């Protein structure tokens, strides 16, 4: 029994167990990559394309890479 369903990081729709796509993405505010869940590979690729050019909110030298 699952109490909470995962939500896609791109469209925020609930994902059924077994249908999720896991991908490690670089978020500008963090040094390391973060493992995120998506409903399909297309949304994972769109998320990577959209977040890649987003400037960080601070002037941390690690966020610029």
Protein backbone atom coordinates (compact mmCIF):
# COMPACT_ATOMS: atom_id res chain seq x y z
CA UNK A 1 0.00 0.00 0.00
CA UNK A 2 1.38 3.40 -1.02
CA UNK A 3 0.39 6.37 1.10
CA UNK A 4 1.89 9.06 -1.10
CA UNK A 5 2.35 9.01 -4.86
CA UNK A 6 5.36 10.65 -6.45
CA UNK A 7 4.83 13.78 -8.56
CA UNK A 8 6.64 14.70 -11.76
CA UNK A 9 9.11 17.54 -11.16
CA UNK A 10 8.15 19.10 -14.49
CA UNK A 11 4.33 18.89 -14.77
CA UNK A 12 3.51 18.05 -11.10
CA UNK A 13 1.18 15.19 -12.13
CA UNK A 14 0.99 12.12 -9.88
CA UNK A 15 2.92 9.09 -11.15
CA UNK A 16 1.89 5.46 -10.77
CA UNK A 17 4.43 3.12 -9.18
CA UNK A 18 6.67 1.57 -11.81
CA UNK A 19 5.98 4.27 -14.42
CA UNK A 20 8.42 6.82 -13.02
CA UNK A 21 11.63 7.91 -14.77
CA UNK A 22 14.55 8.78 -12.47
CA UNK A 23 17.25 11.17 -13.67
CA UNK A 24 20.12 13.00 -12.01
CA UNK A 25 19.92 16.71 -12.86
CA UNK A 26 22.13 19.69 -12.05
CA UNK A 27 20.25 22.40 -10.17
CA UNK A 28 22.01 25.81 -10.19
CA UNK A 29 21.74 26.30 -6.41
CA UNK A 30 23.47 23.00 -5.56
CA UNK A 31 27.02 21.76 -6.14
CA UNK A 32 26.12 18.11 -6.83
CA UNK A 33 23.48 16.59 -9.06
CA UNK A 34 20.10 15.80 -7.53
CA UNK A 35 18.06 12.68 -8.32
CA UNK A 36 14.59 13.71 -9.54
CA UNK A 37 11.52 11.77 -10.69
CA UNK A 38 9.58 12.44 -13.90
CA UNK A 39 6.52 10.92 -15.57
CA UNK A 40 8.27 10.43 -18.94
CA UNK A 41 11.66 10.87 -20.57
CA UNK A 42 10.37 13.84 -22.59
CA UNK A 43 9.61 15.77 -19.38
CA UNK A 44 13.02 14.88 -17.98
CA UNK A 45 14.74 16.29 -21.08
CA UNK A 46 12.58 19.44 -21.03
CA UNK A 47 13.40 19.95 -17.34
CA UNK A 48 17.14 19.67 -18.04
CA UNK A 49 16.91 22.13 -20.96
CA UNK A 50 14.89 24.68 -18.97
CA UNK A 51 16.86 24.52 -15.71
CA UNK A 52 20.28 24.56 -17.43
CA UNK A 53 20.08 28.24 -18.43
CA UNK A 54 18.47 29.44 -15.21
CA UNK A 55 20.79 31.80 -13.32
CA UNK A 56 21.31 31.09 -9.66
CA UNK A 57 19.84 33.44 -7.06
CA UNK A 58 23.20 34.06 -5.40
CA UNK A 59 26.75 34.61 -6.53
CA UNK A 60 28.11 31.22 -5.46
CA UNK A 61 31.03 30.18 -7.74
CA UNK A 62 29.87 26.53 -7.69
CA UNK A 63 26.44 27.42 -9.10
CA UNK A 64 27.89 28.89 -12.28
CA UNK A 65 29.29 25.60 -13.54
